[in-house]
Amino acid sequence: MIKNSLLALATAALVAGAALPAFAAPAPVESTDVDTSYLTDEVANDYTLLRLHEKGINAASIEEWNGKIRAFVVQEDGTQAMQLFDADTLAPVGL
């Protein structure tokens, strides 16, 4: 009787152990499955505007223009002047 009980208990433990992986956390999402729909032009422009502000450029607004960044920079007298910047480095670009 004890032998049968031990055998039944061992069998139950094996079955329960086999079921545990079903309760494990799901596998991580592959990088190709990441939802990037929130990356709009507006978000990209806001990020570029933030980068310009970090460089000390008081830009009021920006837009991508012919492969460059066109920024409307507030001057010390309060007027705005258009300036062009490299899209990658944000270095000023001459006309």
Protein backbone atom coordinates (compact mmCIF):
# COMPACT_ATOMS: atom_id res chain seq x y z
CA MET A 1 0.00 0.00 0.00
CA ILE A 2 2.78 2.45 0.89
CA LYS A 3 4.60 1.47 -2.30
CA ASN A 4 1.53 2.33 -4.41
CA SER A 5 1.09 5.65 -2.59
CA LEU A 6 4.72 6.60 -3.19
CA LEU A 7 4.42 5.62 -6.84
CA ALA A 8 1.23 7.69 -7.22
CA LEU A 9 2.86 10.66 -5.47
CA ALA A 10 5.95 10.45 -7.70
CA THR A 11 3.76 10.26 -10.81
CA ALA A 12 1.74 13.28 -9.68
CA ALA A 13 4.95 15.26 -9.09
CA LEU A 14 6.22 14.41 -12.58
CA VAL A 15 2.95 15.44 -14.21
CA ALA A 16 2.89 18.71 -12.24
CA GLY A 17 6.52 19.38 -13.15
CA ALA A 18 5.76 18.88 -16.82
CA ALA A 19 2.89 21.38 -16.60
CA LEU A 20 4.99 24.17 -15.04
CA PRO A 21 6.48 25.51 -18.31
CA ALA A 22 2.93 26.31 -19.42
CA PHE A 23 2.78 28.87 -16.59
CA ALA A 24 6.10 30.49 -17.50
CA ALA A 25 6.26 34.06 -18.78
CA PRO A 26 5.75 34.48 -22.52
CA ALA A 27 8.79 34.70 -24.73
CA PRO A 28 10.08 38.23 -25.38
CA VAL A 29 8.82 39.95 -28.50
CA GLU A 30 11.26 39.99 -31.40
CA SER A 31 12.52 43.43 -32.34
CA THR A 32 10.81 43.16 -35.72
CA ASP A 33 7.44 42.84 -33.96
CA VAL A 34 7.74 46.12 -32.04
CA ASP A 35 4.95 48.58 -32.71
CA THR A 36 6.50 51.74 -34.13
CA SER A 37 3.25 53.38 -35.24
CA TYR A 38 3.73 56.12 -32.62
CA LEU A 39 6.85 57.37 -34.44
CA THR A 40 5.20 60.12 -36.41
CA ASP A 41 6.73 63.12 -38.12
CA GLU A 42 5.50 65.26 -35.24
CA VAL A 43 7.37 63.15 -32.68
CA ALA A 44 10.53 63.21 -34.80
CA ASN A 45 10.26 67.00 -35.17
CA ASP A 46 9.77 67.43 -31.43
CA TYR A 47 12.87 65.35 -30.76
CA THR A 48 14.92 67.40 -33.24
CA LEU A 49 13.63 70.61 -31.68
CA LEU A 50 14.73 69.32 -28.28
CA ARG A 51 18.20 68.51 -29.65
CA LEU A 52 18.50 72.04 -31.06
CA HIS A 53 17.52 73.51 -27.69
CA GLU A 54 20.19 71.36 -26.02
CA LYS A 55 22.72 72.92 -28.40
CA GLY A 56 21.63 76.39 -27.29
CA ILE A 57 19.62 77.19 -30.45
CA ASN A 58 16.32 78.87 -29.58
CA ALA A 59 14.25 77.35 -32.39
CA ALA A 60 10.52 78.00 -32.33
CA SER A 61 9.68 75.35 -34.93
CA ILE A 62 11.42 73.01 -37.34
CA GLU A 63 10.65 70.93 -40.40
CA GLU A 64 12.53 68.62 -42.69
CA TRP A 65 13.33 70.47 -45.88
CA ASN A 66 15.22 69.04 -48.85
CA GLY A 67 17.27 66.64 -46.72
CA LYS A 68 18.10 69.34 -44.18
CA ILE A 69 16.45 70.71 -41.06
CA ARG A 70 14.87 74.11 -41.54
CA ALA A 71 14.47 75.88 -38.22
CA PHE A 72 12.84 79.17 -37.39
CA VAL A 73 15.15 80.56 -34.71
CA VAL A 74 14.06 83.33 -32.34
CA GLN A 75 16.63 86.14 -32.37
CA GLU A 76 17.53 88.31 -29.37
CA ASP A 77 15.22 91.10 -30.60
CA GLY A 78 12.27 88.67 -30.77
CA THR A 79 12.17 88.28 -34.54
CA GLN A 80 12.49 84.91 -36.21
CA ALA A 81 15.08 83.95 -38.79
CA MET A 82 15.17 80.81 -40.89
CA GLN A 83 18.34 78.72 -40.52
CA LEU A 84 19.34 75.40 -42.09
CA PHE A 85 21.01 72.57 -40.19
CA ASP A 86 22.44 69.19 -41.16
CA ALA A 87 19.85 66.52 -40.41
CA ASP A 88 22.31 64.21 -38.61
CA THR A 89 24.71 66.50 -36.76
CA LEU A 90 22.53 69.62 -36.51
CA ALA A 91 25.54 71.66 -37.61
CA PRO A 92 24.60 74.94 -39.33
CA VAL A 93 24.54 74.74 -43.12
CA GLY A 94 25.37 77.75 -45.25
CA LEU A 95 23.36 78.63 -48.32
